[in-house]
């Protein structure tokens, strides 16, 4: 019997995993922070006008909170093929330990975009990121929706992320029509 496969979601996988799973648990990884430093030209933006989505940046002592999904053995290969395609815009698959609230841990897979990929945008002032997010739109929808849904998902799990929440506040101030549409 193979070891259980856990996938760690810290971005859109929090609200739209789009794959079958046996169990979902709040979890975290250590040594990384979530940052809107990855360009998206295939989901939340287009070539020439990329959106910004999250990736992980190494940070000593940090915790990145998200959700871990345990994949059934029969679905393992199909889920990995689906995720490899979904995360093709610069992400690579890495193994790292996932931590759970009962202080247990399990080996897991994380998709991470590094500065070596062509879609990596890197750091920018938060107001510049918010302005880019407000303008960007791609096949998966408005980039602003990505930010708002990520913030909502973290709150539902009981997790805080100052970077995400600060960007959310700026985006809400920049894109009021989107918030009105989501409320109806």
N, C-alpha and C. Protein backbone atom coordinates (compact mmCIF):
# COMPACT_ATOMS: atom_id res chain seq x y z
N UNK A 1 0.84 -1.19 0.00
CA UNK A 1 0.00 0.00 0.00
C UNK A 1 0.88 1.25 0.00
N UNK A 2 0.54 2.19 -0.85
CA UNK A 2 1.32 3.43 -0.94
C UNK A 2 0.98 4.36 0.21
N UNK A 3 1.94 5.22 0.52
CA UNK A 3 1.73 6.25 1.54
C UNK A 3 0.62 7.20 1.06
N UNK A 4 -0.15 7.72 2.01
CA UNK A 4 -1.22 8.66 1.67
C UNK A 4 -0.65 9.87 0.94
N UNK A 5 -1.38 10.34 -0.07
CA UNK A 5 -0.98 11.52 -0.81
C UNK A 5 -1.78 12.71 -0.29
N UNK A 6 -1.05 13.70 0.22
CA UNK A 6 -1.64 14.95 0.67
C UNK A 6 -1.17 16.07 -0.25
N UNK A 7 -2.09 16.91 -0.68
CA UNK A 7 -1.79 18.09 -1.49
C UNK A 7 -2.06 19.31 -0.62
N UNK A 8 -1.13 20.25 -0.55
CA UNK A 8 -1.31 21.48 0.22
C UNK A 8 -1.78 22.59 -0.71
N UNK A 9 -2.91 23.19 -0.34
CA UNK A 9 -3.45 24.32 -1.09
C UNK A 9 -3.31 25.60 -0.30
N UNK A 10 -2.80 26.64 -0.95
CA UNK A 10 -2.62 27.93 -0.26
C UNK A 10 -3.13 29.09 -1.11
N UNK A 11 -3.62 28.80 -2.31
CA UNK A 11 -4.18 29.81 -3.21
C UNK A 11 -5.56 29.38 -3.64
N UNK A 12 -5.78 29.29 -4.93
CA UNK A 12 -7.12 28.95 -5.44
C UNK A 12 -7.56 27.54 -5.06
N UNK A 13 -6.64 26.67 -4.69
CA UNK A 13 -7.06 25.34 -4.24
C UNK A 13 -7.90 25.41 -2.96
N UNK A 14 -7.83 26.53 -2.24
CA UNK A 14 -8.63 26.66 -1.02
C UNK A 14 -10.12 26.71 -1.32
N UNK A 15 -10.53 27.35 -2.40
CA UNK A 15 -11.97 27.44 -2.70
C UNK A 15 -12.37 26.65 -3.93
N UNK A 16 -11.40 26.23 -4.74
CA UNK A 16 -11.72 25.49 -5.94
C UNK A 16 -10.69 24.39 -6.19
N UNK A 17 -10.73 23.34 -5.38
CA UNK A 17 -9.74 22.29 -5.62
C UNK A 17 -9.96 21.60 -6.98
N UNK A 18 -11.21 21.40 -7.39
CA UNK A 18 -11.54 20.81 -8.69
C UNK A 18 -10.94 19.41 -8.88
N UNK A 19 -10.82 18.67 -7.80
CA UNK A 19 -10.39 17.27 -7.88
C UNK A 19 -11.03 16.53 -6.71
N UNK A 20 -11.21 15.23 -6.87
CA UNK A 20 -11.79 14.45 -5.76
C UNK A 20 -10.78 14.27 -4.64
N UNK A 21 -11.28 14.32 -3.41
CA UNK A 21 -10.42 14.07 -2.26
C UNK A 21 -11.22 13.34 -1.19
N UNK A 22 -10.49 12.66 -0.32
CA UNK A 22 -11.10 11.87 0.74
C UNK A 22 -11.28 12.69 2.00
N UNK A 23 -10.36 13.62 2.23
CA UNK A 23 -10.37 14.41 3.47
C UNK A 23 -9.74 15.77 3.20
N UNK A 24 -10.28 16.80 3.88
CA UNK A 24 -9.71 18.15 3.81
C UNK A 24 -9.49 18.62 5.24
N UNK A 25 -8.28 19.10 5.52
CA UNK A 25 -7.94 19.57 6.87
C UNK A 25 -7.18 20.88 6.77
N UNK A 26 -7.47 21.79 7.70
CA UNK A 26 -6.65 22.98 7.83
C UNK A 26 -5.23 22.54 8.18
N UNK A 27 -4.26 23.18 7.58
CA UNK A 27 -2.87 22.78 7.82
C UNK A 27 -1.95 23.95 7.53
N UNK A 28 -0.66 23.71 7.71
CA UNK A 28 0.33 24.74 7.40
C UNK A 28 1.66 24.10 7.06
N UNK A 29 2.48 24.90 6.41
CA UNK A 29 3.86 24.53 6.17
C UNK A 29 4.73 25.57 6.87
N UNK A 30 5.92 25.20 7.19
CA UNK A 30 6.82 26.12 7.90
C UNK A 30 7.94 26.59 6.97
N UNK A 31 8.45 27.78 7.28
CA UNK A 31 9.57 28.31 6.53
C UNK A 31 9.20 29.06 5.25
N UNK A 32 7.90 29.30 5.06
CA UNK A 32 7.45 29.99 3.84
C UNK A 32 6.34 30.98 4.17
N UNK A 33 6.28 32.04 3.34
CA UNK A 33 5.20 33.02 3.39
C UNK A 33 4.54 33.08 2.02
N UNK A 34 3.23 33.31 2.02
CA UNK A 34 2.46 33.46 0.78
C UNK A 34 2.64 34.90 0.29
N UNK A 35 2.95 35.07 -0.99
CA UNK A 35 3.13 36.39 -1.58
C UNK A 35 2.53 36.43 -2.99
N UNK A 36 1.99 37.57 -3.36
CA UNK A 36 1.42 37.78 -4.70
C UNK A 36 2.54 38.21 -5.66
N UNK A 37 3.48 37.33 -5.88
CA UNK A 37 4.66 37.64 -6.68
C UNK A 37 4.71 36.84 -7.98
N UNK A 38 3.72 36.00 -8.22
CA UNK A 38 3.70 35.18 -9.44
C UNK A 38 2.72 35.78 -10.44
N UNK A 39 3.16 35.90 -11.69
CA UNK A 39 2.28 36.37 -12.75
C UNK A 39 1.39 35.25 -13.24
N UNK A 40 0.18 35.60 -13.65
CA UNK A 40 -0.75 34.63 -14.21
C UNK A 40 -1.19 35.13 -15.58
N UNK A 41 -0.75 34.40 -16.61
CA UNK A 41 -1.17 34.73 -17.97
C UNK A 41 -2.12 33.69 -18.52
N UNK A 42 -2.45 32.68 -17.70
CA UNK A 42 -3.33 31.60 -18.16
C UNK A 42 -4.60 31.46 -17.34
N UNK A 43 -4.71 32.13 -16.21
CA UNK A 43 -5.92 32.02 -15.37
C UNK A 43 -6.48 33.39 -15.01
N UNK A 44 -5.68 34.26 -14.39
CA UNK A 44 -6.19 35.54 -13.88
C UNK A 44 -5.61 36.75 -14.61
N UNK A 45 -5.07 36.48 -15.77
CA UNK A 45 -4.54 37.52 -16.63
C UNK A 45 -4.30 36.92 -17.99
N UNK A 46 -3.67 37.67 -18.86
CA UNK A 46 -3.37 37.20 -20.21
C UNK A 46 -1.95 37.64 -20.55
N UNK A 47 -1.35 37.05 -21.59
CA UNK A 47 -0.02 37.52 -22.00
C UNK A 47 -0.07 39.02 -22.30
N UNK A 48 0.91 39.73 -21.80
CA UNK A 48 0.96 41.17 -21.98
C UNK A 48 0.25 41.95 -20.89
N UNK A 49 -0.65 41.29 -20.16
CA UNK A 49 -1.39 41.91 -19.05
C UNK A 49 -1.62 40.86 -17.97
N UNK A 50 -0.53 40.39 -17.34
CA UNK A 50 -0.69 39.31 -16.36
C UNK A 50 -1.39 39.77 -15.09
N UNK A 51 -2.11 38.83 -14.49
CA UNK A 51 -2.61 39.05 -13.15
C UNK A 51 -1.52 38.65 -12.16
N UNK A 52 -1.84 38.77 -10.88
CA UNK A 52 -0.91 38.34 -9.84
C UNK A 52 -1.60 37.31 -8.96
N UNK A 53 -0.92 36.20 -8.76
CA UNK A 53 -1.41 35.13 -7.90
C UNK A 53 -0.32 34.79 -6.90
N UNK A 54 -0.65 33.93 -5.95
CA UNK A 54 0.31 33.67 -4.88
C UNK A 54 1.30 32.57 -5.23
N UNK A 55 2.46 32.72 -4.63
CA UNK A 55 3.46 31.69 -4.57
C UNK A 55 4.02 31.73 -3.15
N UNK A 56 5.00 30.93 -2.89
CA UNK A 56 5.61 30.86 -1.57
C UNK A 56 7.03 31.38 -1.63
N UNK A 57 7.39 32.18 -0.66
CA UNK A 57 8.74 32.70 -0.52
C UNK A 57 9.31 32.20 0.79
N UNK A 58 10.55 31.75 0.74
CA UNK A 58 11.18 31.26 1.97
C UNK A 58 11.31 32.39 2.98
N UNK A 59 11.02 32.06 4.25
CA UNK A 59 11.10 33.01 5.34
C UNK A 59 11.30 32.23 6.64
N UNK A 60 12.45 32.39 7.24
CA UNK A 60 12.78 31.65 8.45
C UNK A 60 11.74 31.91 9.54
N UNK A 61 11.23 30.84 10.12
CA UNK A 61 10.28 30.94 11.22
C UNK A 61 8.84 31.20 10.82
N UNK A 62 8.58 31.40 9.53
CA UNK A 62 7.21 31.70 9.08
C UNK A 62 6.36 30.43 8.98
N UNK A 63 5.05 30.65 8.99
CA UNK A 63 4.08 29.59 8.73
C UNK A 63 3.13 30.09 7.66
N UNK A 64 2.87 29.25 6.68
CA UNK A 64 1.86 29.55 5.67
C UNK A 64 0.70 28.61 5.90
N UNK A 65 -0.46 29.18 6.20
CA UNK A 65 -1.65 28.39 6.50
C UNK A 65 -2.46 28.14 5.24
N UNK A 66 -3.10 26.98 5.19
CA UNK A 66 -3.92 26.61 4.04
C UNK A 66 -4.73 25.37 4.35
N UNK A 67 -4.95 24.56 3.34
CA UNK A 67 -5.72 23.32 3.51
C UNK A 67 -4.96 22.17 2.87
N UNK A 68 -5.01 21.04 3.52
CA UNK A 68 -4.41 19.82 2.98
C UNK A 68 -5.53 18.89 2.53
N UNK A 69 -5.35 18.32 1.37
CA UNK A 69 -6.34 17.40 0.79
C UNK A 69 -5.71 16.02 0.67
N UNK A 70 -6.37 15.04 1.30
CA UNK A 70 -5.89 13.65 1.17
C UNK A 70 -6.58 13.03 -0.04
N UNK A 71 -5.77 12.53 -0.94
CA UNK A 71 -6.25 12.00 -2.20
C UNK A 71 -6.38 10.49 -2.10
N UNK A 72 -7.50 9.97 -2.57
CA UNK A 72 -7.70 8.52 -2.59
C UNK A 72 -6.72 7.86 -3.56
N UNK A 73 -6.30 6.67 -3.22
CA UNK A 73 -5.30 5.97 -4.03
C UNK A 73 -5.75 5.82 -5.48
N UNK A 74 -7.03 5.53 -5.70
CA UNK A 74 -7.53 5.33 -7.07
C UNK A 74 -7.48 6.62 -7.89
N UNK A 75 -7.51 7.78 -7.24
CA UNK A 75 -7.52 9.07 -7.94
C UNK A 75 -6.14 9.71 -8.05
N UNK A 76 -5.17 9.13 -7.41
CA UNK A 76 -3.84 9.73 -7.28
C UNK A 76 -3.26 10.21 -8.61
N UNK A 77 -3.12 9.34 -9.59
CA UNK A 77 -2.47 9.69 -10.84
C UNK A 77 -3.25 10.76 -11.60
N UNK A 78 -4.57 10.64 -11.64
CA UNK A 78 -5.40 11.63 -12.35
C UNK A 78 -5.32 13.00 -11.68
N UNK A 79 -5.34 13.03 -10.34
CA UNK A 79 -5.26 14.31 -9.61
C UNK A 79 -3.92 14.98 -9.88
N UNK A 80 -2.84 14.23 -9.83
CA UNK A 80 -1.52 14.81 -10.09
C UNK A 80 -1.41 15.32 -11.54
N UNK A 81 -1.94 14.57 -12.49
CA UNK A 81 -1.91 15.02 -13.89
C UNK A 81 -2.71 16.30 -14.05
N UNK A 82 -3.87 16.37 -13.40
CA UNK A 82 -4.72 17.57 -13.45
C UNK A 82 -3.99 18.77 -12.85
N UNK A 83 -3.39 18.58 -11.68
CA UNK A 83 -2.69 19.68 -11.02
C UNK A 83 -1.44 20.11 -11.80
N UNK A 84 -0.72 19.15 -12.36
CA UNK A 84 0.45 19.51 -13.16
C UNK A 84 0.03 20.40 -14.34
N UNK A 85 -1.13 20.12 -14.92
CA UNK A 85 -1.63 20.96 -16.02
C UNK A 85 -2.11 22.31 -15.49
N UNK A 86 -2.88 22.29 -14.42
CA UNK A 86 -3.43 23.52 -13.84
C UNK A 86 -2.33 24.48 -13.42
N UNK A 87 -1.27 23.97 -12.85
CA UNK A 87 -0.19 24.79 -12.31
C UNK A 87 0.98 24.93 -13.28
N UNK A 88 0.71 24.76 -14.56
CA UNK A 88 1.75 24.77 -15.58
C UNK A 88 2.39 26.15 -15.79
N UNK A 89 1.78 27.21 -15.30
CA UNK A 89 2.27 28.56 -15.55
C UNK A 89 3.45 28.95 -14.68
N UNK A 90 4.37 28.04 -14.43
CA UNK A 90 5.58 28.38 -13.69
C UNK A 90 5.75 27.66 -12.37
N UNK A 91 4.81 26.82 -12.01
CA UNK A 91 4.88 26.12 -10.73
C UNK A 91 5.55 24.77 -10.87
N UNK A 92 6.28 24.39 -9.84
CA UNK A 92 6.86 23.06 -9.78
C UNK A 92 6.38 22.37 -8.52
N UNK A 93 6.36 21.07 -8.56
CA UNK A 93 5.85 20.26 -7.46
C UNK A 93 7.00 19.91 -6.51
N UNK A 94 6.82 20.21 -5.22
CA UNK A 94 7.83 19.89 -4.21
C UNK A 94 7.21 19.08 -3.08
N UNK A 95 8.02 18.27 -2.44
CA UNK A 95 7.59 17.53 -1.26
C UNK A 95 8.03 18.29 -0.03
N UNK A 96 7.13 18.39 0.95
CA UNK A 96 7.49 19.00 2.24
C UNK A 96 6.48 18.56 3.30
N UNK A 97 6.87 18.63 4.56
CA UNK A 97 5.94 18.21 5.62
C UNK A 97 4.80 19.21 5.80
N UNK A 98 3.61 18.66 6.02
CA UNK A 98 2.42 19.45 6.34
C UNK A 98 2.09 19.23 7.80
N UNK A 99 1.74 20.32 8.47
CA UNK A 99 1.39 20.26 9.89
C UNK A 99 -0.11 20.45 10.06
N UNK A 100 -0.67 19.77 11.08
CA UNK A 100 -2.10 19.86 11.39
C UNK A 100 -2.28 20.39 12.81
N UNK A 101 -3.49 20.83 13.12
CA UNK A 101 -3.75 21.47 14.42
C UNK A 101 -3.53 20.53 15.61
N UNK A 102 -3.61 19.23 15.40
CA UNK A 102 -3.33 18.31 16.50
C UNK A 102 -1.83 18.04 16.66
N UNK A 103 -1.00 18.87 15.99
CA UNK A 103 0.46 18.81 16.03
C UNK A 103 1.03 17.56 15.35
N UNK A 104 0.20 16.84 14.58
CA UNK A 104 0.73 15.76 13.77
C UNK A 104 1.20 16.34 12.45
N UNK A 105 1.96 15.57 11.73
CA UNK A 105 2.38 16.01 10.41
C UNK A 105 2.34 14.83 9.45
N UNK A 106 2.34 15.18 8.17
CA UNK A 106 2.32 14.18 7.11
C UNK A 106 3.12 14.72 5.94
N UNK A 107 3.72 13.84 5.16
CA UNK A 107 4.39 14.32 3.96
C UNK A 107 3.34 14.82 2.97
N UNK A 108 3.66 15.89 2.27
CA UNK A 108 2.71 16.44 1.32
C UNK A 108 3.40 17.01 0.10
N UNK A 109 2.58 17.34 -0.89
CA UNK A 109 3.07 17.98 -2.11
C UNK A 109 2.56 19.41 -2.16
N UNK A 110 3.43 20.31 -2.59
CA UNK A 110 3.12 21.73 -2.70
C UNK A 110 3.57 22.19 -4.08
N UNK A 111 2.75 23.00 -4.72
CA UNK A 111 3.15 23.63 -5.98
C UNK A 111 3.67 25.02 -5.68
N UNK A 112 4.88 25.28 -6.13
CA UNK A 112 5.60 26.51 -5.79
C UNK A 112 6.21 27.11 -7.06
N UNK A 113 6.07 28.41 -7.22
CA UNK A 113 6.69 29.10 -8.35
C UNK A 113 7.89 29.88 -7.84
N UNK A 114 9.02 29.66 -8.44
CA UNK A 114 10.24 30.36 -8.01
C UNK A 114 10.58 31.47 -9.00
N UNK A 115 11.56 32.25 -8.63
CA UNK A 115 11.97 33.38 -9.47
C UNK A 115 12.63 32.93 -10.77
N UNK A 116 12.86 31.65 -10.93
CA UNK A 116 13.48 31.15 -12.16
C UNK A 116 12.47 30.93 -13.29
N UNK A 117 11.17 31.02 -13.02
CA UNK A 117 10.19 30.78 -14.07
C UNK A 117 9.86 32.09 -14.81
N UNK A 118 9.47 32.01 -16.06
CA UNK A 118 9.26 33.23 -16.86
C UNK A 118 8.07 34.09 -16.43
N UNK A 119 7.16 33.57 -15.63
CA UNK A 119 6.00 34.34 -15.17
C UNK A 119 6.20 34.99 -13.81
N UNK A 120 7.35 34.77 -13.22
CA UNK A 120 7.61 35.33 -11.89
C UNK A 120 7.75 36.85 -12.00
N UNK A 121 6.97 37.59 -11.20
CA UNK A 121 7.00 39.05 -11.22
C UNK A 121 7.80 39.63 -10.07
N UNK A 122 7.88 38.91 -8.97
CA UNK A 122 8.65 39.37 -7.83
C UNK A 122 7.93 40.40 -6.99
N UNK A 123 8.64 40.92 -5.99
CA UNK A 123 8.04 41.87 -5.07
C UNK A 123 7.73 43.20 -5.74
N UNK A 124 6.74 43.87 -5.18
CA UNK A 124 6.36 45.22 -5.61
C UNK A 124 5.63 45.84 -4.43
N UNK A 125 5.52 47.18 -4.40
CA UNK A 125 4.72 47.81 -3.35
C UNK A 125 3.28 47.29 -3.40
N UNK A 126 2.68 47.15 -2.24
CA UNK A 126 1.33 46.58 -2.17
C UNK A 126 0.32 47.38 -2.99
N UNK A 127 0.44 48.69 -3.02
CA UNK A 127 -0.51 49.48 -3.81
C UNK A 127 -0.33 49.22 -5.31
N UNK A 128 0.88 48.95 -5.75
CA UNK A 128 1.12 48.62 -7.16
C UNK A 128 0.55 47.24 -7.49
N UNK A 129 0.70 46.29 -6.55
CA UNK A 129 0.10 44.96 -6.75
C UNK A 129 -1.41 45.11 -6.84
N UNK A 130 -2.02 45.90 -5.95
CA UNK A 130 -3.48 46.08 -5.95
C UNK A 130 -3.94 46.70 -7.26
N UNK A 131 -3.21 47.67 -7.78
CA UNK A 131 -3.59 48.30 -9.05
C UNK A 131 -3.53 47.30 -10.20
N UNK A 132 -2.50 46.46 -10.20
CA UNK A 132 -2.39 45.44 -11.24
C UNK A 132 -3.52 44.42 -11.12
N UNK A 133 -3.81 44.00 -9.91
CA UNK A 133 -4.90 43.05 -9.67
C UNK A 133 -6.24 43.63 -10.12
N UNK A 134 -6.46 44.91 -9.84
CA UNK A 134 -7.73 45.55 -10.20
C UNK A 134 -7.96 45.56 -11.71
N UNK A 135 -6.89 45.65 -12.49
CA UNK A 135 -6.99 45.71 -13.96
C UNK A 135 -7.05 44.33 -14.61
N UNK A 136 -6.48 43.32 -13.98
CA UNK A 136 -6.26 42.03 -14.64
C UNK A 136 -7.51 41.17 -14.67
N UNK A 137 -7.65 40.48 -15.79
CA UNK A 137 -8.76 39.54 -16.00
C UNK A 137 -8.28 38.48 -16.97
N UNK A 138 -8.62 37.23 -16.70
CA UNK A 138 -8.19 36.14 -17.57
C UNK A 138 -9.28 35.10 -17.72
N UNK A 139 -8.96 33.95 -18.31
CA UNK A 139 -9.94 32.90 -18.55
C UNK A 139 -10.66 32.40 -17.29
N UNK A 140 -10.00 32.48 -16.13
CA UNK A 140 -10.64 32.05 -14.87
C UNK A 140 -11.37 33.17 -14.16
N UNK A 141 -11.36 34.38 -14.75
CA UNK A 141 -12.11 35.50 -14.16
C UNK A 141 -11.21 36.64 -13.73
N UNK A 142 -11.83 37.55 -12.99
CA UNK A 142 -11.13 38.75 -12.53
C UNK A 142 -10.08 38.39 -11.49
N UNK A 143 -8.93 39.03 -11.58
CA UNK A 143 -7.87 38.83 -10.61
C UNK A 143 -8.32 39.28 -9.22
N UNK A 144 -9.14 40.33 -9.17
CA UNK A 144 -9.64 40.81 -7.88
C UNK A 144 -10.45 39.74 -7.18
N UNK A 145 -11.23 38.97 -7.93
CA UNK A 145 -12.01 37.89 -7.33
C UNK A 145 -11.08 36.88 -6.64
N UNK A 146 -9.94 36.58 -7.25
CA UNK A 146 -8.96 35.66 -6.67
C UNK A 146 -8.53 36.15 -5.29
N UNK A 147 -8.20 37.44 -5.18
CA UNK A 147 -7.76 38.01 -3.90
C UNK A 147 -8.88 37.91 -2.86
N UNK A 148 -10.08 38.31 -3.23
CA UNK A 148 -11.20 38.31 -2.28
C UNK A 148 -11.57 36.90 -1.84
N UNK A 149 -11.59 35.96 -2.76
CA UNK A 149 -11.92 34.57 -2.40
C UNK A 149 -10.84 33.94 -1.54
N UNK A 150 -9.59 34.28 -1.80
CA UNK A 150 -8.50 33.77 -0.96
C UNK A 150 -8.65 34.28 0.46
N UNK A 151 -8.90 35.57 0.62
CA UNK A 151 -9.09 36.14 1.96
C UNK A 151 -10.27 35.50 2.67
N UNK A 152 -11.38 35.36 1.97
CA UNK A 152 -12.57 34.71 2.55
C UNK A 152 -12.28 33.27 2.98
N UNK A 153 -11.57 32.54 2.15
CA UNK A 153 -11.25 31.14 2.44
C UNK A 153 -10.36 31.02 3.67
N UNK A 154 -9.39 31.91 3.79
CA UNK A 154 -8.52 31.88 4.98
C UNK A 154 -9.33 32.16 6.24
N UNK A 155 -10.23 33.11 6.18
CA UNK A 155 -11.08 33.40 7.35
C UNK A 155 -11.96 32.20 7.70
N UNK A 156 -12.52 31.54 6.70
CA UNK A 156 -13.37 30.36 6.96
C UNK A 156 -12.58 29.26 7.66
N UNK A 157 -11.30 29.14 7.34
CA UNK A 157 -10.44 28.14 7.99
C UNK A 157 -9.94 28.60 9.35
N UNK A 158 -10.14 29.89 9.67
CA UNK A 158 -9.68 30.43 10.94
C UNK A 158 -8.23 30.87 10.92
N UNK A 159 -7.70 31.15 9.73
CA UNK A 159 -6.31 31.54 9.58
C UNK A 159 -6.21 33.00 9.16
N UNK A 160 -5.14 33.65 9.58
CA UNK A 160 -4.88 35.04 9.20
C UNK A 160 -3.62 35.10 8.34
N UNK A 161 -3.61 36.03 7.42
CA UNK A 161 -2.43 36.28 6.60
C UNK A 161 -2.37 37.78 6.35
N UNK A 162 -1.49 38.49 7.05
CA UNK A 162 -1.44 39.95 6.92
C UNK A 162 -1.23 40.44 5.49
N UNK A 163 -0.42 39.76 4.70
CA UNK A 163 -0.17 40.17 3.31
C UNK A 163 -1.46 40.08 2.49
N UNK A 164 -2.16 38.97 2.61
CA UNK A 164 -3.40 38.77 1.85
C UNK A 164 -4.46 39.76 2.31
N UNK A 165 -4.60 39.93 3.62
CA UNK A 165 -5.66 40.80 4.14
C UNK A 165 -5.38 42.28 3.81
N UNK A 166 -4.12 42.68 3.81
CA UNK A 166 -3.80 44.07 3.44
C UNK A 166 -4.09 44.30 1.95
N UNK A 167 -3.76 43.33 1.12
CA UNK A 167 -4.05 43.45 -0.30
C UNK A 167 -5.56 43.44 -0.54
N UNK A 168 -6.27 42.59 0.19
CA UNK A 168 -7.73 42.54 0.08
C UNK A 168 -8.33 43.91 0.35
N UNK A 169 -7.87 44.56 1.39
CA UNK A 169 -8.40 45.89 1.74
C UNK A 169 -8.17 46.90 0.61
N UNK A 170 -6.99 46.89 0.04
CA UNK A 170 -6.69 47.79 -1.07
C UNK A 170 -7.53 47.45 -2.30
N UNK A 171 -7.69 46.16 -2.58
CA UNK A 171 -8.47 45.75 -3.75
C UNK A 171 -9.93 46.12 -3.57
N UNK A 172 -10.48 45.93 -2.37
CA UNK A 172 -11.88 46.31 -2.13
C UNK A 172 -12.09 47.80 -2.37
N UNK A 173 -11.10 48.62 -2.03
CA UNK A 173 -11.20 50.05 -2.25
C UNK A 173 -11.06 50.43 -3.72
N UNK A 174 -10.40 49.58 -4.49
CA UNK A 174 -10.16 49.85 -5.90
C UNK A 174 -11.26 49.30 -6.80
N UNK A 175 -11.91 48.23 -6.37
CA UNK A 175 -12.88 47.53 -7.22
C UNK A 175 -14.21 47.40 -6.48
N UNK A 176 -14.89 48.49 -6.15
CA UNK A 176 -16.15 48.38 -5.40
C UNK A 176 -17.25 47.68 -6.18
N UNK A 177 -17.26 47.77 -7.48
CA UNK A 177 -18.32 47.13 -8.27
C UNK A 177 -18.25 45.61 -8.14
N UNK A 178 -17.06 45.06 -8.02
CA UNK A 178 -16.91 43.63 -7.87
C UNK A 178 -17.51 43.17 -6.55
N UNK A 179 -17.28 43.91 -5.49
CA UNK A 179 -17.84 43.54 -4.18
C UNK A 179 -19.37 43.62 -4.21
N UNK A 180 -19.91 44.62 -4.86
CA UNK A 180 -21.36 44.73 -4.96
C UNK A 180 -21.94 43.55 -5.73
N UNK A 181 -21.28 43.15 -6.81
CA UNK A 181 -21.74 42.01 -7.60
C UNK A 181 -21.68 40.72 -6.79
N UNK A 182 -20.64 40.55 -5.97
CA UNK A 182 -20.51 39.33 -5.18
C UNK A 182 -21.55 39.25 -4.08
N UNK A 183 -22.02 40.40 -3.59
CA UNK A 183 -22.99 40.43 -2.49
C UNK A 183 -24.38 40.05 -2.97
N UNK A 184 -24.67 40.21 -4.26
CA UNK A 184 -26.02 39.91 -4.75
C UNK A 184 -26.20 38.49 -5.16
